[in-house]
N, C-alpha and C. Protein backbone atom coordinates (compact mmCIF):
# COMPACT_ATOMS: atom_id res chain seq x y z
N GLU A 1 -71.17 -33.63 -17.98
CA GLU A 1 -70.25 -34.21 -16.88
C GLU A 1 -68.78 -34.12 -17.52
N MET A 2 -68.82 -34.49 -18.57
CA MET A 2 -67.50 -33.83 -18.65
C MET A 2 -66.70 -33.00 -19.73
N GLU A 3 -68.01 -31.80 -19.78
CA GLU A 3 -67.94 -30.93 -19.99
C GLU A 3 -67.79 -29.60 -18.79
N GLY A 4 -68.53 -30.26 -17.96
CA GLY A 4 -68.01 -29.62 -16.80
C GLY A 4 -66.43 -29.74 -16.09
N SER A 5 -66.43 -30.85 -16.39
CA SER A 5 -64.81 -31.33 -15.88
C SER A 5 -63.70 -30.68 -16.29
N ILE A 6 -64.37 -30.71 -17.70
CA ILE A 6 -63.13 -29.94 -18.94
C ILE A 6 -62.76 -28.00 -18.05
N GLU A 7 -64.29 -27.66 -17.89
CA GLU A 7 -64.16 -25.82 -17.93
C GLU A 7 -63.24 -26.06 -16.11
N ALA A 8 -63.88 -27.52 -15.81
CA ALA A 8 -62.97 -26.96 -13.95
C ALA A 8 -61.06 -27.28 -14.58
N LEU A 9 -61.05 -27.84 -15.13
CA LEU A 9 -59.77 -28.10 -15.37
C LEU A 9 -59.12 -27.16 -16.31
N LYS A 10 -59.76 -26.12 -17.20
CA LYS A 10 -59.46 -24.95 -17.91
C LYS A 10 -59.40 -23.85 -16.32
N GLY A 11 -60.14 -24.03 -15.34
CA GLY A 11 -59.96 -23.12 -14.71
C GLY A 11 -58.36 -23.61 -13.40
N GLU A 12 -59.01 -24.40 -13.18
CA GLU A 12 -57.54 -24.43 -12.75
C GLU A 12 -55.98 -24.45 -12.87
N ILE A 13 -55.75 -25.00 -14.58
CA ILE A 13 -54.86 -24.41 -15.12
C ILE A 13 -55.20 -23.23 -15.10
N GLU A 14 -55.65 -21.91 -15.80
CA GLU A 14 -55.97 -20.76 -15.24
C GLU A 14 -54.67 -20.01 -14.31
N GLY A 15 -55.37 -20.80 -12.44
CA GLY A 15 -55.19 -20.63 -11.23
C GLY A 15 -53.49 -20.85 -11.31
N LEU A 16 -53.24 -22.21 -12.21
CA LEU A 16 -52.01 -22.65 -12.36
C LEU A 16 -50.85 -21.42 -12.67
N GLU A 17 -51.09 -20.89 -13.70
CA GLU A 17 -50.37 -19.77 -14.33
C GLU A 17 -50.22 -18.50 -13.97
N LYS A 18 -51.43 -18.47 -13.10
CA LYS A 18 -51.20 -16.91 -12.01
C LYS A 18 -50.62 -17.60 -11.03
N GLY A 19 -50.55 -18.63 -10.66
CA GLY A 19 -49.08 -18.47 -9.71
C GLY A 19 -48.10 -18.94 -10.28
N ILE A 20 -48.22 -19.52 -11.39
CA ILE A 20 -46.60 -18.98 -12.06
C ILE A 20 -46.32 -17.78 -12.08
N LYS A 21 -46.80 -17.30 -12.47
CA LYS A 21 -46.56 -15.04 -13.04
C LYS A 21 -45.77 -14.84 -11.68
N ALA A 22 -46.67 -15.17 -10.48
CA ALA A 22 -46.75 -14.51 -9.59
C ALA A 22 -45.29 -15.04 -9.12
N LEU A 23 -44.90 -16.41 -8.64
CA LEU A 23 -44.12 -17.29 -7.86
C LEU A 23 -42.85 -16.52 -9.03
N ASP A 24 -42.62 -16.38 -10.43
CA ASP A 24 -41.91 -15.47 -11.25
C ASP A 24 -41.03 -14.27 -10.56
N LYS A 25 -42.77 -13.66 -10.48
CA LYS A 25 -42.24 -11.82 -10.60
C LYS A 25 -41.51 -12.11 -8.58
N ALA A 26 -41.81 -13.09 -7.74
CA ALA A 26 -41.64 -13.05 -6.64
C ALA A 26 -39.60 -13.39 -6.64
N VAL A 27 -39.41 -14.31 -7.53
CA VAL A 27 -38.04 -14.44 -7.54
C VAL A 27 -37.77 -13.61 -8.54
N ALA A 28 -38.03 -12.91 -9.58
CA ALA A 28 -36.88 -12.18 -10.06
C ALA A 28 -36.93 -10.76 -9.14
N GLU A 29 -38.13 -10.46 -8.25
CA GLU A 29 -37.96 -9.08 -7.50
C GLU A 29 -36.94 -9.74 -5.56
N ALA A 30 -36.87 -11.09 -5.68
CA ALA A 30 -35.43 -11.71 -4.62
C ALA A 30 -33.98 -11.72 -5.52
N THR A 31 -34.13 -11.95 -6.45
CA THR A 31 -32.65 -11.48 -7.39
C THR A 31 -32.41 -10.47 -7.32
N GLU A 32 -33.11 -9.52 -7.73
CA GLU A 32 -32.83 -8.33 -7.64
C GLU A 32 -32.35 -7.14 -6.35
N GLN A 33 -33.34 -7.79 -5.19
CA GLN A 33 -32.48 -7.52 -3.69
C GLN A 33 -31.19 -8.61 -2.84
N ARG A 34 -31.45 -9.66 -3.18
CA ARG A 34 -30.41 -10.00 -3.06
C ARG A 34 -28.90 -9.87 -4.45
N LYS A 35 -28.57 -9.54 -5.20
CA LYS A 35 -27.37 -8.83 -5.76
C LYS A 35 -27.39 -7.25 -5.32
N ALA A 36 -28.24 -6.76 -4.95
CA ALA A 36 -28.23 -5.55 -4.75
C ALA A 36 -27.34 -5.82 -2.75
N GLU A 37 -28.00 -6.81 -2.11
CA GLU A 37 -27.40 -6.98 -0.73
C GLU A 37 -25.87 -7.05 -0.55
N ASN A 38 -25.78 -8.07 -1.85
CA ASN A 38 -24.18 -8.56 -2.65
C ASN A 38 -23.51 -7.75 -2.60
N SER A 39 -23.42 -6.62 -3.90
CA SER A 39 -22.82 -5.97 -3.79
C SER A 39 -22.46 -4.43 -2.89
N GLU A 40 -23.78 -4.36 -2.00
CA GLU A 40 -22.89 -3.79 -0.76
C GLU A 40 -22.13 -4.27 0.48
N TYR A 41 -22.81 -5.69 0.35
CA TYR A 41 -21.32 -6.58 1.06
C TYR A 41 -20.11 -6.42 0.36
N LYS A 42 -19.75 -6.74 -0.99
CA LYS A 42 -18.66 -6.49 -1.43
C LYS A 42 -18.15 -4.70 -1.41
N GLU A 43 -18.80 -4.00 -1.59
CA GLU A 43 -18.70 -2.50 -1.28
C GLU A 43 -18.00 -2.23 0.20
N LEU A 44 -19.20 -2.64 0.82
CA LEU A 44 -18.04 -2.93 2.46
C LEU A 44 -16.58 -3.72 3.02
N MET A 45 -16.62 -4.41 2.48
CA MET A 45 -15.46 -5.70 2.79
C MET A 45 -14.15 -5.18 1.98
N THR A 46 -14.38 -3.97 0.91
CA THR A 46 -12.97 -2.89 0.16
C THR A 46 -13.02 -1.72 0.81
N ASN A 47 -13.97 -1.71 1.20
CA ASN A 47 -13.96 -0.02 1.91
C ASN A 47 -13.20 -0.64 3.26
N ASN A 48 -13.65 -1.16 3.88
CA ASN A 48 -13.10 -2.09 5.14
C ASN A 48 -11.55 -2.29 4.77
N LYS A 49 -11.18 -3.49 3.96
CA LYS A 49 -9.68 -3.76 3.84
C LYS A 49 -9.08 -1.98 3.16
N LEU A 50 -9.30 -1.47 2.56
CA LEU A 50 -8.84 -0.42 2.84
C LEU A 50 -8.59 -0.10 3.92
N ALA A 51 -9.34 0.72 4.35
CA ALA A 51 -9.29 0.66 6.06
C ALA A 51 -8.41 0.41 6.79
N VAL A 52 -8.23 -0.61 6.55
CA VAL A 52 -7.55 -1.10 7.17
C VAL A 52 -5.77 -1.12 7.70
N GLU A 53 -5.37 -1.08 5.89
CA GLU A 53 -4.30 -0.84 5.23
C GLU A 53 -4.04 0.57 5.37
N VAL A 54 -4.83 1.71 6.15
CA VAL A 54 -4.18 2.85 5.77
C VAL A 54 -4.01 2.91 7.57
N LEU A 55 -4.95 2.37 8.29
CA LEU A 55 -4.87 2.27 9.79
C LEU A 55 -3.85 1.44 10.32
N ALA A 56 -3.51 0.27 9.59
CA ALA A 56 -1.59 0.06 9.63
C ALA A 56 -1.14 0.64 9.08
N TRP A 57 -1.10 1.38 8.24
CA TRP A 57 0.03 2.80 7.71
C TRP A 57 0.23 3.57 8.78
N ALA A 58 -0.80 4.00 9.13
CA ALA A 58 -0.86 5.56 10.29
C ALA A 58 0.13 4.74 11.43
N LYS A 59 0.05 3.87 11.95
CA LYS A 59 0.23 2.47 12.76
C LYS A 59 1.45 2.89 12.67
N ASN A 60 1.75 2.26 11.84
CA ASN A 60 3.71 2.14 11.48
C ASN A 60 4.32 4.01 11.75
N ARG A 61 3.46 4.72 11.12
CA ARG A 61 4.26 5.88 10.99
C ARG A 61 3.85 6.46 12.21
N LEU A 62 3.29 5.91 13.50
CA LEU A 62 3.35 6.47 14.96
C LEU A 62 4.59 5.40 15.89
N ASN A 63 4.46 4.14 15.25
CA ASN A 63 5.64 3.68 16.01
C ASN A 63 7.21 4.29 15.10
N LYS A 64 7.23 4.71 14.13
CA LYS A 64 8.56 5.52 13.61
C LYS A 64 9.30 6.65 14.83
N PHE A 65 7.72 7.56 14.92
CA PHE A 65 8.29 8.02 15.94
C PHE A 65 8.20 7.65 17.61
N TYR A 66 7.26 6.63 18.13
CA TYR A 66 7.19 6.34 19.20
C TYR A 66 8.03 5.59 19.75
N ASN A 67 7.71 4.50 18.43
CA ASN A 67 8.55 3.04 19.12
C ASN A 67 9.58 2.51 18.21
N PRO A 68 10.60 3.56 17.31
CA PRO A 68 11.28 2.49 16.80
C PRO A 68 11.64 1.60 16.50
N SER A 69 11.68 0.78 17.60
CA SER A 69 11.88 -0.57 17.45
C SER A 69 10.92 -1.62 16.73
N LEU A 70 9.14 -0.82 16.47
CA LEU A 70 8.26 -1.49 15.90
C LEU A 70 8.65 -1.35 14.50
N TYR A 71 9.21 0.18 14.10
CA TYR A 71 9.08 0.79 12.71
C TYR A 71 9.64 -0.55 11.59
N ARG A 72 8.48 -0.71 10.46
CA ARG A 72 9.24 -1.21 9.67
C ARG A 72 9.20 -0.56 8.57
N PRO A 73 9.91 -0.23 7.96
CA PRO A 73 10.24 1.03 6.71
C PRO A 73 9.48 0.60 5.48
N PRO A 74 9.01 1.19 4.65
CA PRO A 74 8.67 0.57 2.77
C PRO A 74 9.25 -0.01 2.25
N ALA A 75 9.24 -1.85 1.92
CA ALA A 75 9.87 -2.00 1.18
C ALA A 75 10.75 -1.75 -0.19
N LYS A 76 11.82 -2.05 -0.56
CA LYS A 76 12.99 -1.27 -1.66
C LYS A 76 11.63 -1.91 -2.47
N ALA A 77 11.69 -0.63 -3.78
CA ALA A 77 11.56 -0.66 -5.10
C ALA A 77 12.30 -1.72 -5.55
N GLU A 78 11.67 -2.90 -6.54
CA GLU A 78 12.32 -3.99 -7.27
C GLU A 78 12.84 -3.39 -8.10
N LEU A 79 14.04 -2.96 -9.27
CA LEU A 79 14.10 -2.58 -10.48
C LEU A 79 13.98 -3.63 -11.66
N SER A 80 13.04 -2.06 -12.74
CA SER A 80 13.33 -3.82 -14.06
C SER A 80 14.28 -3.89 -14.64
N SER A 81 14.24 -4.79 -15.86
CA SER A 81 15.75 -5.02 -16.16
C SER A 81 16.73 -4.02 -16.80
N GLN A 82 15.90 -3.31 -17.24
CA GLN A 82 16.33 -2.22 -17.71
C GLN A 82 16.98 -1.33 -17.08
N ASP A 83 16.38 -0.86 -15.89
CA ASP A 83 16.63 0.24 -14.57
C ASP A 83 17.69 -0.75 -14.24
N ARG A 84 18.22 -2.05 -14.08
CA ARG A 84 19.56 -2.35 -13.10
C ARG A 84 20.40 -2.60 -14.23
N ILE A 85 20.12 -2.43 -15.53
CA ILE A 85 21.81 -2.46 -16.65
C ILE A 85 21.89 -0.99 -16.15
N VAL A 86 20.84 0.55 -16.56
CA VAL A 86 21.34 1.10 -16.44
C VAL A 86 22.62 1.26 -15.23
N VAL A 87 21.39 0.92 -13.46
CA VAL A 87 22.77 1.21 -12.85
C VAL A 87 24.04 0.74 -12.68
N SER A 88 23.84 -0.51 -13.31
CA SER A 88 24.95 -1.76 -13.27
C SER A 88 26.52 -1.16 -14.46
N MET A 89 26.07 -0.25 -15.37
CA MET A 89 26.66 0.30 -15.99
C MET A 89 26.86 1.48 -15.35
N GLY A 90 26.25 2.18 -14.33
CA GLY A 90 27.19 3.37 -13.61
C GLY A 90 26.01 4.47 -13.98
N GLY A 91 24.99 4.17 -14.27
CA GLY A 91 24.26 5.45 -14.63
C GLY A 91 23.53 5.81 -12.89
N THR A 92 22.76 6.31 -13.24
CA THR A 92 21.92 6.75 -12.13
C THR A 92 20.28 6.93 -12.55
N LEU A 93 19.35 6.36 -11.69
CA LEU A 93 17.77 6.66 -12.10
C LEU A 93 17.39 7.98 -11.30
N THR A 94 16.43 8.44 -12.23
CA THR A 94 16.35 9.81 -11.96
C THR A 94 14.36 9.89 -11.35
N THR A 95 13.85 8.82 -11.85
CA THR A 95 12.54 8.48 -11.34
C THR A 95 12.86 8.17 -9.52
N THR A 96 11.79 8.66 -8.77
CA THR A 96 11.59 8.64 -7.49
C THR A 96 10.56 7.81 -7.20
N VAL A 97 10.88 7.01 -6.12
CA VAL A 97 9.88 6.39 -6.06
C VAL A 97 8.61 6.59 -4.78
N PRO A 98 6.93 6.22 -5.00
CA PRO A 98 6.14 7.51 -4.15
C PRO A 98 6.49 6.72 -2.84
N GLY A 99 6.31 7.27 -2.36
CA GLY A 99 5.48 7.04 -0.28
C GLY A 99 4.53 6.52 -0.27
N GLY A 100 3.91 6.04 0.60
CA GLY A 100 2.84 6.13 1.31
C GLY A 100 2.48 4.92 0.46
N ILE A 101 0.85 4.31 0.82
CA ILE A 101 0.74 3.43 0.12
C ILE A 101 -0.63 2.94 -1.51
N ALA A 102 0.08 2.81 -1.65
CA ALA A 102 -0.69 2.65 -3.42
C ALA A 102 -1.81 3.13 -4.00
N GLY A 103 -1.97 3.93 -4.37
CA GLY A 103 -3.52 4.31 -5.31
C GLY A 103 -3.91 5.10 -3.80
N THR A 104 -3.47 5.70 -3.05
CA THR A 104 -4.11 6.60 -1.90
C THR A 104 -3.65 8.16 -1.61
N ASN A 105 -2.35 8.15 -2.34
CA ASN A 105 -1.42 9.24 -2.37
C ASN A 105 -1.47 9.49 -1.01
N ILE A 106 -1.23 8.39 0.61
CA ILE A 106 -1.02 8.83 1.49
C ILE A 106 0.75 8.42 1.47
N GLY A 107 0.86 9.83 2.03
CA GLY A 107 2.87 9.57 2.26
C GLY A 107 3.40 10.58 1.52
N ALA A 108 2.72 10.45 0.22
CA ALA A 108 3.11 11.11 -0.78
C ALA A 108 3.39 12.67 -0.88
N ALA A 109 1.82 13.46 -0.28
CA ALA A 109 1.52 14.02 -0.34
C ALA A 109 1.30 14.59 1.08
N ALA A 110 2.78 14.03 2.22
CA ALA A 110 2.59 14.54 3.98
C ALA A 110 4.32 15.07 3.54
N ALA A 111 4.24 16.49 2.53
CA ALA A 111 5.41 17.24 3.03
C ALA A 111 5.45 18.66 2.91
N LEU A 112 6.10 19.47 4.46
CA LEU A 112 5.86 20.33 4.39
C LEU A 112 7.08 20.87 3.99
N VAL A 113 7.00 21.93 3.14
CA VAL A 113 7.60 23.20 2.68
C VAL A 113 8.04 24.27 3.36
N GLN A 114 9.05 24.69 4.03
CA GLN A 114 8.96 26.19 3.62
C GLN A 114 9.93 26.82 2.38
N VAL A 115 9.48 27.93 2.20
CA VAL A 115 10.66 28.61 1.32
C VAL A 115 10.27 30.34 1.76
N ALA A 116 11.70 30.93 1.61
CA ALA A 116 11.82 32.19 2.75
C ALA A 116 12.00 33.11 1.29
N ALA A 117 11.28 34.10 2.01
CA ALA A 117 11.91 35.51 0.83
C ALA A 117 13.30 36.08 1.19
N HIS A 118 14.04 35.98 -0.27
CA HIS A 118 15.15 36.80 -0.29
C HIS A 118 15.32 37.94 -0.69
N ASN A 119 14.86 38.33 0.83
CA ASN A 119 15.05 39.96 0.63
C ASN A 119 15.90 40.80 1.50
N ALA A 120 16.25 42.14 1.80
CA ALA A 120 16.71 42.48 2.26
C ALA A 120 17.15 42.31 3.75
N ILE A 121 15.38 42.67 4.37
CA ILE A 121 15.08 42.23 5.97
C ILE A 121 15.24 41.34 6.24
N GLU A 122 15.03 39.82 5.33
CA GLU A 122 15.18 38.51 5.38
C GLU A 122 17.07 38.76 5.85
N GLN A 123 17.81 39.10 5.09
CA GLN A 123 18.94 38.76 5.30
C GLN A 123 19.78 39.46 6.01
N GLN A 124 19.07 40.34 6.55
CA GLN A 124 19.37 41.24 8.13
C GLN A 124 18.91 40.52 9.29
N ARG A 125 17.96 39.89 9.16
CA ARG A 125 17.55 39.47 10.33
C ARG A 125 18.59 37.99 10.62
N ARG A 126 19.19 37.11 9.44
CA ARG A 126 19.87 36.12 9.44
C ARG A 126 21.73 36.48 9.89
N ARG A 127 22.18 37.55 9.69
CA ARG A 127 22.99 38.46 10.67
C ARG A 127 23.40 38.48 11.65
N GLU A 128 21.78 39.00 12.55
CA GLU A 128 22.17 39.06 13.70
C GLU A 128 21.81 37.36 14.26
N ALA A 129 22.43 37.85 15.81
CA ALA A 129 23.33 36.61 16.26
C ALA A 129 21.47 36.37 17.09
N PRO A 130 21.02 35.12 16.79
CA PRO A 130 19.92 34.36 17.67
C PRO A 130 19.55 35.26 18.71
N PRO A 131 18.31 34.82 19.63
CA PRO A 131 18.13 35.28 20.60
C PRO A 131 18.63 34.31 21.49
N PRO A 132 18.99 34.37 23.08
CA PRO A 132 18.98 33.31 23.82
C PRO A 132 18.05 31.93 23.63
N PRO A 133 18.09 30.52 23.89
CA PRO A 133 16.81 29.84 23.99
C PRO A 133 15.98 30.17 24.82
N PRO A 134 14.70 29.49 25.31
CA PRO A 134 13.95 29.94 26.35
C PRO A 134 13.95 28.73 27.08
N GLU A 135 13.75 28.96 28.47
CA GLU A 135 14.56 27.91 29.48
C GLU A 135 12.56 27.00 29.78
N THR A 136 13.26 26.04 29.80
CA THR A 136 12.30 24.94 30.30
C THR A 136 11.73 25.00 30.97
N PHE A 137 10.94 24.35 31.43
CA PHE A 137 9.91 24.20 32.72
C PHE A 137 10.16 22.48 33.35
N GLU A 138 10.88 21.31 32.82
CA GLU A 138 11.27 20.06 32.95
C GLU A 138 12.17 19.61 32.71
N PRO A 139 13.44 18.18 32.87
CA PRO A 139 13.87 17.92 32.01
C PRO A 139 13.29 17.08 30.80
N TYR A 140 14.29 16.47 29.75
CA TYR A 140 13.86 16.16 29.07
C TYR A 140 13.40 14.76 29.24
N THR A 141 12.17 13.83 29.07
CA THR A 141 11.51 12.87 29.01
C THR A 141 11.52 12.11 27.42
N THR A 142 11.57 11.00 27.75
CA THR A 142 10.84 9.94 26.22
C THR A 142 9.84 10.43 26.35
N LYS A 143 9.44 9.75 25.14
CA LYS A 143 8.00 10.34 24.38
C LYS A 143 7.54 8.76 23.84
N GLY A 144 7.74 7.89 25.09
CA GLY A 144 7.33 6.57 25.12
C GLY A 144 5.33 6.68 25.45
N GLU A 145 4.96 7.22 26.70
CA GLU A 145 3.40 7.25 26.98
C GLU A 145 2.27 7.42 26.30
N GLU A 146 3.04 8.75 25.57
CA GLU A 146 1.80 9.50 24.54
C GLU A 146 1.90 8.90 23.47
N GLY A 147 2.36 7.82 22.93
CA GLY A 147 2.53 7.39 21.54
C GLY A 147 1.35 5.67 21.61
N ARG A 148 1.47 5.30 23.10
CA ARG A 148 0.66 4.45 23.40
C ARG A 148 -0.98 4.47 23.56
N GLY A 149 -1.30 5.60 23.60
CA GLY A 149 -2.97 5.88 23.57
C GLY A 149 -3.32 5.81 22.19
N ALA A 150 -2.62 6.63 21.02
CA ALA A 150 -2.55 6.57 19.89
C ALA A 150 -2.88 5.15 19.09
N VAL A 151 -1.82 4.40 19.25
CA VAL A 151 -1.55 3.35 18.55
C VAL A 151 -2.55 2.25 19.43
N ALA A 152 -3.11 2.47 20.55
CA ALA A 152 -4.11 1.54 20.97
C ALA A 152 -5.37 1.60 20.32
N MET A 153 -5.51 3.23 20.68
CA MET A 153 -7.21 3.55 19.85
C MET A 153 -6.76 3.15 18.49
N ILE A 154 -6.07 2.97 17.29
CA ILE A 154 -5.54 2.82 16.36
C ILE A 154 -6.17 0.90 16.22
N ASP A 155 -5.28 0.01 17.04
CA ASP A 155 -5.49 -0.92 17.07
C ASP A 155 -7.08 -1.66 17.75
N LEU A 156 -7.54 -0.63 18.24
CA LEU A 156 -9.29 -1.02 18.56
C LEU A 156 -9.99 -0.58 17.79
N LEU A 157 -9.64 0.36 16.41
CA LEU A 157 -10.34 0.16 15.11
C LEU A 157 -10.07 -0.36 14.57
N VAL A 158 -8.53 -1.69 14.03
CA VAL A 158 -8.31 -2.69 13.41
C VAL A 158 -9.60 -3.78 13.87
N LYS A 159 -9.66 -3.71 14.85
CA LYS A 159 -10.15 -4.76 15.90
C LYS A 159 -11.80 -4.86 15.45
N ASP A 160 -12.42 -3.41 15.52
CA ASP A 160 -13.83 -3.07 15.30
C ASP A 160 -14.08 -3.42 13.21
N LEU A 161 -13.21 -3.61 13.12
CA LEU A 161 -13.04 -3.14 11.50
C LEU A 161 -13.40 -4.77 11.63
N ALA A 162 -12.12 -5.88 12.04
CA ALA A 162 -12.28 -6.98 11.94
C ALA A 162 -13.16 -7.61 12.28
N LYS A 163 -14.19 -6.85 12.97
CA LYS A 163 -15.02 -7.70 13.88
C LYS A 163 -16.26 -7.40 12.58
N GLU A 164 -16.32 -6.45 12.19
CA GLU A 164 -17.54 -6.03 11.15
C GLU A 164 -17.56 -6.83 10.23
N MET A 165 -16.21 -6.78 9.10
CA MET A 165 -16.64 -7.62 8.24
C MET A 165 -16.44 -9.18 8.65
N GLN A 166 -15.86 -9.71 9.75
CA GLN A 166 -16.60 -11.17 10.36
C GLN A 166 -17.89 -11.31 10.37
N GLU A 167 -18.78 -9.76 10.97
CA GLU A 167 -20.28 -10.69 10.85
C GLU A 167 -20.51 -10.03 9.40
N ALA A 168 -20.29 -10.00 9.00
CA ALA A 168 -20.99 -9.14 7.30
C ALA A 168 -20.79 -10.49 6.34
N GLY A 169 -19.78 -11.35 7.01
CA GLY A 169 -19.82 -12.43 6.13
C GLY A 169 -20.16 -14.16 6.55
N VAL A 170 -20.18 -13.50 7.56
CA VAL A 170 -21.26 -14.70 8.42
C VAL A 170 -23.15 -14.05 8.24
N SER A 171 -23.78 -12.92 7.75
CA SER A 171 -24.81 -12.57 7.53
C SER A 171 -24.48 -12.70 6.19
N GLU A 172 -23.87 -12.33 5.33
CA GLU A 172 -23.44 -12.99 4.06
C GLU A 172 -24.06 -14.36 3.44
N LYS A 173 -23.53 -14.93 4.44
CA LYS A 173 -23.48 -16.52 4.32
C LYS A 173 -24.22 -16.94 4.41
N ASP A 174 -25.46 -16.19 5.41
CA ASP A 174 -26.89 -16.78 5.41
C ASP A 174 -27.93 -16.33 4.49
N ALA A 175 -28.04 -15.08 4.13
CA ALA A 175 -28.26 -14.61 3.00
C ALA A 175 -28.16 -15.06 1.87
N GLN A 176 -26.53 -16.24 0.97
CA GLN A 176 -26.47 -16.38 0.16
C GLN A 176 -27.58 -18.08 0.49
N ALA A 177 -27.53 -18.58 1.89
CA ALA A 177 -28.24 -20.10 1.76
C ALA A 177 -29.82 -19.60 1.45
N ASP A 178 -30.17 -18.40 2.38
CA ASP A 178 -31.42 -18.46 2.73
C ASP A 178 -32.12 -17.75 1.07
N TYR A 179 -31.55 -17.63 -0.24
CA TYR A 179 -31.76 -17.24 -1.03
C TYR A 179 -32.35 -18.20 -2.06
């Protein structure tokens, strides 16, 4: 009778060991899946924050043209202690402050440059009197209405991104609690 109970206990121990191994495997898989979901969440949040910054920059640029009272000029660059000494002693700084959003090259590369060829034909054309201006169809009007649509679309995009970020945050908290 003792030998039968020993064999039964050995069988139970083997069954429990198999169950523990299966549970360890399931926990490892769940951990990997959770890590992947968390990295996707972090990437989504980073991309959405950058998109909101770019849209804010674009909206500010549109406001510069369509609604100058809402335009916010970029912040002045703070001089280092060495640069302040140079300026206070009457020197000039030769470095230029990059424009746009830091790290995105937005604004810095947004310059159009025209170069005219210096040849005889160009110089001759410059000496001639320009043609009369073309006739206009309507009197000059302000540019207020055209900009509202573009600014409103940017506001809508920002709201959509904020909503997506909020939903992702809630689902991340739920997934963390479920894990």
